[in-house]
PDB file of N, CA and C in Angstrom:
ATOM      1  N   MET A   1       0.475  -1.082   0.129  1.00  0.00           N
ATOM      2  CA  MET A   1      -0.079   0.271  -0.108  1.00  0.00           C
ATOM      3  C   MET A   1       0.993   1.459  -0.291  1.00  0.00           C
ATOM      4  N   LYS A   2       1.923   1.070   0.761  1.00  0.00           N
ATOM      5  CA  LYS A   2       2.922   2.165   0.625  1.00  0.00           C
ATOM      6  C   LYS A   2       3.325   2.811  -0.666  1.00  0.00           C
ATOM      7  N   TYR A   3       3.225   1.806  -1.635  1.00  0.00           N
ATOM      8  CA  TYR A   3       4.068   1.932  -2.783  1.00  0.00           C
ATOM      9  C   TYR A   3       2.882   2.821  -3.812  1.00  0.00           C
ATOM     10  N   VAL A   4       1.638   2.407  -3.326  1.00  0.00           N
ATOM     11  CA  VAL A   4       0.553   3.411  -4.129  1.00  0.00           C
ATOM     12  C   VAL A   4       0.344   4.909  -3.461  1.00  0.00           C
ATOM     13  N   VAL A   5       0.538   4.705  -2.514  1.00  0.00           N
ATOM     14  CA  VAL A   5       0.353   6.716  -1.660  1.00  0.00           C
ATOM     15  C   VAL A   5       1.748   7.033  -2.206  1.00  0.00           C
ATOM     16  N   ALA A   6       2.732   6.453  -2.156  1.00  0.00           N
ATOM     17  CA  ALA A   6       4.014   7.248  -2.964  1.00  0.00           C
ATOM     18  C   ALA A   6       3.953   7.520  -4.363  1.00  0.00           C
ATOM     19  N   PHE A   7       3.036   6.496  -4.905  1.00  0.00           N
ATOM     20  CA  PHE A   7       3.055   7.115  -6.480  1.00  0.00           C
ATOM     21  C   PHE A   7       2.151   8.182  -6.491  1.00  0.00           C
ATOM     22  N   GLY A   8       0.919   8.004  -5.846  1.00  0.00           N
ATOM     23  CA  GLY A   8       0.273   8.958  -5.625  1.00  0.00           C
ATOM     24  C   GLY A   8       0.828  10.577  -5.413  1.00  0.00           C
ATOM     25  N   LYS A   9       1.316  10.622  -4.272  1.00  0.00           N
ATOM     26  CA  LYS A   9       2.222  11.702  -3.976  1.00  0.00           C
ATOM     27  C   LYS A   9       3.233  12.116  -4.681  1.00  0.00           C
ATOM     28  N   PHE A  10       3.726  11.288  -5.698  1.00  0.00           N
ATOM     29  CA  PHE A  10       4.569  11.670  -6.565  1.00  0.00           C
ATOM     30  C   PHE A  10       3.737  12.540  -7.898  1.00  0.00           C
ATOM     31  N   TRP A  11       2.926  12.020  -8.476  1.00  0.00           N
ATOM     32  CA  TRP A  11       1.976  12.514  -9.396  1.00  0.00           C
ATOM     33  C   TRP A  11       1.146  13.778  -8.838  1.00  0.00           C
ATOM     34  N   TRP A  12       0.777  13.660  -7.728  1.00  0.00           N
ATOM     35  CA  TRP A  12       0.266  15.031  -7.228  1.00  0.00           C
ATOM     36  C   TRP A  12       1.441  16.382  -6.801  1.00  0.00           C
ATOM     37  N   ASN A  13       2.489  16.013  -6.639  1.00  0.00           N
ATOM     38  CA  ASN A  13       3.726  16.487  -6.392  1.00  0.00           C
ATOM     39  C   ASN A  13       4.049  17.416  -8.210  1.00  0.00           C
ATOM     40  N   PHE A  14       3.892  16.158  -8.905  1.00  0.00           N
ATOM     41  CA  PHE A  14       4.350  16.359 -10.608  1.00  0.00           C
ATOM     42  C   PHE A  14       3.701  17.315 -11.193  1.00  0.00           C
ATOM     43  N   ILE A  15       1.844  17.127 -10.867  1.00  0.00           N
ATOM     44  CA  ILE A  15       1.123  18.012 -11.714  1.00  0.00           C
ATOM     45  C   ILE A  15       1.028  19.136 -11.038  1.00  0.00           C
ATOM     46  N   VAL A  16       0.469  18.952  -9.638  1.00  0.00           N
ATOM     47  CA  VAL A  16       0.108  20.188  -8.976  1.00  0.00           C
ATOM     48  C   VAL A  16       1.448  21.253  -8.534  1.00  0.00           C
ATOM     49  N   GLY A  17       2.268  20.551  -7.787  1.00  0.00           N
ATOM     50  CA  GLY A  17       3.645  21.359  -7.244  1.00  0.00           C
ATOM     51  C   GLY A  17       3.269  22.198  -6.481  1.00  0.00           C
ATOM     52  N   ASP A  18       3.810  23.286  -6.498  1.00  0.00           N
ATOM     53  CA  ASP A  18       3.575  24.775  -5.625  1.00  0.00           C
ATOM     54  C   ASP A  18       2.349  25.578  -5.616  1.00  0.00           C
ATOM     55  N   ASP A  19       1.897  25.422  -7.168  1.00  0.00           N
ATOM     56  CA  ASP A  19       0.895  26.807  -7.522  1.00  0.00           C
ATOM     57  C   ASP A  19      -0.336  25.395  -8.019  1.00  0.00           C
ATOM     58  N   TRP A  20      -1.284  25.128  -6.862  1.00  0.00           N
ATOM     59  CA  TRP A  20      -2.647  24.627  -7.562  1.00  0.00           C
ATOM     60  C   TRP A  20      -3.509  25.704  -8.259  1.00  0.00           C
ATOM     61  N   VAL A  21      -3.059  27.021  -8.225  1.00  0.00           N
ATOM     62  CA  VAL A  21      -4.332  27.559  -8.965  1.00  0.00           C
ATOM     63  C   VAL A  21      -3.885  27.231 -10.627  1.00  0.00           C
ATOM     64  N   ALA A  22      -2.328  27.281 -10.719  1.00  0.00           N
ATOM     65  CA  ALA A  22      -1.818  27.085 -12.426  1.00  0.00           C
ATOM     66  C   ALA A  22      -2.420  25.822 -12.987  1.00  0.00           C
ATOM     67  N   ALA A  23      -2.488  24.854 -11.834  1.00  0.00           N
ATOM     68  CA  ALA A  23      -2.712  23.410 -12.309  1.00  0.00           C
ATOM     69  C   ALA A  23      -3.970  23.212 -12.535  1.00  0.00           C
ATOM     70  N   VAL A  24      -5.174  24.057 -12.024  1.00  0.00           N
ATOM     71  CA  VAL A  24      -6.724  24.092 -11.957  1.00  0.00           C
ATOM     72  C   VAL A  24      -6.904  24.686 -13.263  1.00  0.00           C
ATOM     73  N   MET A  25      -6.256  25.607 -13.477  1.00  0.00           N
ATOM     74  CA  MET A  25      -6.340  26.839 -14.648  1.00  0.00           C
ATOM     75  C   MET A  25      -5.873  25.797 -15.807  1.00  0.00           C
ATOM     76  N   ILE A  26      -4.916  24.935 -15.743  1.00  0.00           N
ATOM     77  CA  ILE A  26      -4.655  24.501 -17.168  1.00  0.00           C
ATOM     78  C   ILE A  26      -5.557  23.034 -17.301  1.00  0.00           C
ATOM     79  N   ILE A  27      -5.862  22.900 -16.253  1.00  0.00           N
ATOM     80  CA  ILE A  27      -7.131  21.445 -16.310  1.00  0.00           C
ATOM     81  C   ILE A  27      -8.241  22.395 -16.771  1.00  0.00           C
ATOM     82  N   ALA A  28      -8.576  23.340 -16.861  1.00  0.00           N
ATOM     83  CA  ALA A  28      -9.789  23.865 -17.260  1.00  0.00           C
ATOM     84  C   ALA A  28      -9.674  24.468 -18.722  1.00  0.00           C
ATOM     85  N   ALA A  29      -8.363  24.835 -18.785  1.00  0.00           N
ATOM     86  CA  ALA A  29      -8.166  25.203 -20.280  1.00  0.00           C
ATOM     87  C   ALA A  29      -8.285  23.767 -21.164  1.00  0.00           C
ATOM     88  N   ILE A  30      -8.022  22.796 -20.773  1.00  0.00           N
ATOM     89  CA  ILE A  30      -7.986  21.657 -21.577  1.00  0.00           C
ATOM     90  C   ILE A  30      -9.501  21.343 -21.713  1.00  0.00           C
ATOM     91  N   GLY A  31     -10.048  21.384 -20.395  1.00  0.00           N
ATOM     92  CA  GLY A  31     -11.709  21.164 -20.779  1.00  0.00           C
ATOM     93  C   GLY A  31     -12.511  22.348 -21.743  1.00  0.00           C
ATOM     94  N   ILE A  32     -11.897  23.337 -21.713  1.00  0.00           N
ATOM     95  CA  ILE A  32     -12.474  24.527 -22.904  1.00  0.00           C
ATOM     96  C   ILE A  32     -12.053  24.381 -24.200  1.00  0.00           C
ATOM     97  N   THR A  33     -10.639  23.807 -24.386  1.00  0.00           N
ATOM     98  CA  THR A  33     -10.076  23.076 -25.801  1.00  0.00           C
ATOM     99  C   THR A  33     -11.304  22.224 -26.143  1.00  0.00           C
ATOM    100  N   ALA A  34     -11.570  21.293 -25.397  1.00  0.00           N
ATOM    101  CA  ALA A  34     -12.276  20.205 -25.600  1.00  0.00           C
ATOM    102  C   ALA A  34     -13.645  20.417 -26.096  1.00  0.00           C
ATOM    103  N   LEU A  35     -14.476  21.333 -25.300  1.00  0.00           N
ATOM    104  CA  LEU A  35     -15.234  22.007 -25.879  1.00  0.00           C
ATOM    105  C   LEU A  35     -15.549  22.815 -26.894  1.00  0.00           C
ATOM    106  N   VAL A  36     -14.096  23.287 -27.223  1.00  0.00           N
ATOM    107  CA  VAL A  36     -14.441  24.279 -28.541  1.00  0.00           C
ATOM    108  C   VAL A  36     -14.507  23.224 -29.734  1.00  0.00           C
ATOM    109  N   ALA A  37     -13.630  22.365 -29.469  1.00  0.00           N
ATOM    110  CA  ALA A  37     -13.279  21.032 -30.503  1.00  0.00           C
ATOM    111  C   ALA A  37     -14.460  20.426 -30.872  1.00  0.00           C
ATOM    112  N   ALA A  38     -15.334  20.233 -30.149  1.00  0.00           N
ATOM    113  CA  ALA A  38     -16.587  19.531 -30.009  1.00  0.00           C
ATOM    114  C   ALA A  38     -17.483  20.390 -30.691  1.00  0.00           C
ATOM    115  N   GLY A  39     -17.452  21.419 -30.222  1.00  0.00           N
ATOM    116  CA  GLY A  39     -18.465  22.700 -31.053  1.00  0.00           C
ATOM    117  C   GLY A  39     -18.118  22.578 -32.489  1.00  0.00           C
ATOM    118  N   GLY A  40     -16.851  21.947 -33.241  1.00  0.00           N
ATOM    119  CA  GLY A  40     -16.854  21.962 -34.962  1.00  0.00           C
ATOM    120  C   GLY A  40     -15.918  23.263 -34.925  1.00  0.00           C
ATOM    121  N   ILE A  41     -15.314  23.901 -33.849  1.00  0.00           N
ATOM    122  CA  ILE A  41     -14.247  25.566 -34.202  1.00  0.00           C
ATOM    123  C   ILE A  41     -12.729  24.816 -34.036  1.00  0.00           C
ATOM    124  N   ALA A  42     -12.205  25.453 -34.776  1.00  0.00           N
ATOM    125  CA  ALA A  42     -10.753  25.370 -34.541  1.00  0.00           C
ATOM    126  C   ALA A  42     -10.249  25.608 -33.227  1.00  0.00           C
ATOM    127  N   SER A  43      -9.743  24.605 -32.525  1.00  0.00           N
ATOM    128  CA  SER A  43      -9.462  24.971 -31.113  1.00  0.00           C
ATOM    129  C   SER A  43      -7.954  25.334 -31.090  1.00  0.00           C
ATOM    130  N   TRP A  44      -7.194  25.123 -31.886  1.00  0.00           N
ATOM    131  CA  TRP A  44      -5.856  25.334 -31.800  1.00  0.00           C
ATOM    132  C   TRP A  44      -5.272  26.526 -31.045  1.00  0.00           C
ATOM    133  N   TRP A  45      -6.053  27.603 -31.060  1.00  0.00           N
ATOM    134  CA  TRP A  45      -5.667  28.765 -30.406  1.00  0.00           C
ATOM    135  C   TRP A  45      -5.989  29.002 -28.944  1.00  0.00           C
ATOM    136  N   VAL A  46      -6.709  27.836 -28.276  1.00  0.00           N
ATOM    137  CA  VAL A  46      -7.444  28.263 -26.875  1.00  0.00           C
ATOM    138  C   VAL A  46      -6.032  28.093 -25.959  1.00  0.00           C
ATOM    139  N   MET A  47      -5.159  26.699 -25.814  1.00  0.00           N
ATOM    140  CA  MET A  47      -4.220  26.480 -25.311  1.00  0.00           C
ATOM    141  C   MET A  47      -2.888  27.513 -25.033  1.00  0.00           C
ATOM    142  N   PRO A  48      -2.821  28.125 -26.421  1.00  0.00           N
ATOM    143  CA  PRO A  48      -1.621  29.224 -26.214  1.00  0.00           C
ATOM    144  C   PRO A  48      -2.169  30.247 -25.373  1.00  0.00           C
ATOM    145  N   LEU A  49      -3.353  30.713 -25.712  1.00  0.00           N
ATOM    146  CA  LEU A  49      -4.077  31.835 -24.523  1.00  0.00           C
ATOM    147  C   LEU A  49      -4.006  31.675 -23.238  1.00  0.00           C
ATOM    148  N   ALA A  50      -4.468  30.182 -23.142  1.00  0.00           N
ATOM    149  CA  ALA A  50      -4.352  29.712 -22.009  1.00  0.00           C
ATOM    150  C   ALA A  50      -3.030  29.822 -20.875  1.00  0.00           C
ATOM    151  N   VAL A  51      -2.237  29.384 -21.754  1.00  0.00           N
ATOM    152  CA  VAL A  51      -0.794  29.421 -21.288  1.00  0.00           C
ATOM    153  C   VAL A  51      -0.280  30.732 -20.786  1.00  0.00           C
ATOM    154  N   LEU A  52      -0.573  31.776 -21.788  1.00  0.00           N
ATOM    155  CA  LEU A  52      -0.430  32.857 -21.169  1.00  0.00           C
ATOM    156  C   LEU A  52      -0.780  33.556 -20.341  1.00  0.00           C
ATOM    157  N   LEU A  53      -2.015  33.217 -20.202  1.00  0.00           N
ATOM    158  CA  LEU A  53      -3.128  33.390 -19.010  1.00  0.00           C
ATOM    159  C   LEU A  53      -2.651  32.991 -17.665  1.00  0.00           C
ATOM    160  N   VAL A  54      -2.065  31.885 -17.791  1.00  0.00           N
ATOM    161  CA  VAL A  54      -1.897  31.216 -16.638  1.00  0.00           C
ATOM    162  C   VAL A  54      -0.415  31.831 -16.419  1.00  0.00           C
ATOM    163  N   LEU A  55       0.475  31.927 -16.952  1.00  0.00           N
ATOM    164  CA  LEU A  55       1.871  32.506 -16.735  1.00  0.00           C
ATOM    165  C   LEU A  55       1.636  33.964 -16.234  1.00  0.00           C
ATOM    166  N   VAL A  56       0.776  34.663 -16.571  1.00  0.00           N
ATOM    167  CA  VAL A  56       0.662  36.268 -16.280  1.00  0.00           C
ATOM    168  C   VAL A  56       0.014  36.294 -14.817  1.00  0.00           C
ATOM    169  N   VAL A  57      -0.990  35.317 -14.422  1.00  0.00           N
ATOM    170  CA  VAL A  57      -1.431  34.635 -13.260  1.00  0.00           C
ATOM    171  C   VAL A  57      -0.485  34.476 -12.390  1.00  0.00           C
ATOM    172  N   SER A  58       0.370  33.437 -12.786  1.00  0.00           N
ATOM    173  CA  SER A  58       1.092  33.054 -11.938  1.00  0.00           C
ATOM    174  C   SER A  58       2.147  33.855 -11.283  1.00  0.00           C
ATOM    175  N   LEU A  59       2.561  34.895 -12.275  1.00  0.00           N
ATOM    176  CA  LEU A  59       3.965  35.777 -11.858  1.00  0.00           C
ATOM    177  C   LEU A  59       3.211  36.803 -11.135  1.00  0.00           C
ATOM    178  N   ARG A  60       1.870  37.296 -11.538  1.00  0.00           N
ATOM    179  CA  ARG A  60       1.292  38.168 -10.494  1.00  0.00           C
ATOM    180  C   ARG A  60       1.356  37.804  -9.045  1.00  0.00           C
ATOM    181  N   ARG A  61       0.714  36.670  -8.815  1.00  0.00           N
ATOM    182  CA  ARG A  61       0.739  35.845  -7.636  1.00  0.00           C
ATOM    183  C   ARG A  61       2.361  35.746  -6.910  1.00  0.00           C
ATOM    184  N   ALA A  62       3.444  35.365  -7.387  1.00  0.00           N
ATOM    185  CA  ALA A  62       4.765  35.289  -7.295  1.00  0.00           C
ATOM    186  C   ALA A  62       5.283  36.383  -6.818  1.00  0.00           C
ATOM    187  N   THR A  63       4.997  37.420  -7.457  1.00  0.00           N
ATOM    188  CA  THR A  63       5.198  38.970  -7.210  1.00  0.00           C
ATOM    189  C   THR A  63       4.878  39.483  -6.096  1.00  0.00           C
ATOM    190  N   ALA A  64       3.392  39.172  -6.043  1.00  0.00           N
ATOM    191  CA  ALA A  64       2.691  40.174  -5.243  1.00  0.00           C
ATOM    192  C   ALA A  64       3.162  39.249  -3.721  1.00  0.00           C
ATOM    193  N   SER A  65       3.215  38.019  -3.602  1.00  0.00           N
ATOM    194  CA  SER A  65       3.454  37.385  -2.247  1.00  0.00           C
ATOM    195  C   SER A  65       4.820  37.491  -1.813  1.00  0.00           C
ATOM    196  N   GLY A  66       5.600  37.757  -2.618  1.00  0.00           N
ATOM    197  CA  GLY A  66       7.384  37.618  -2.508  1.00  0.00           C
ATOM    198  C   GLY A  66       7.685  38.784  -2.328  1.00  0.00           C
TER     199      GLY A  66
END
């Protein structure tokens, strides 16, 4: 059982890391991309915009708290 817990902790740390807000925003961006693609619209532009937004939010949070 300890191997399962260690495996879960590894993936939590790898995906979420120090900034859970960024992880949630990226998961939301993946969902939005899927919805846009399912609607028949070209969805290539969603993720670059999401990455830019996540970067801005993450940097603002890091500079405001430090």
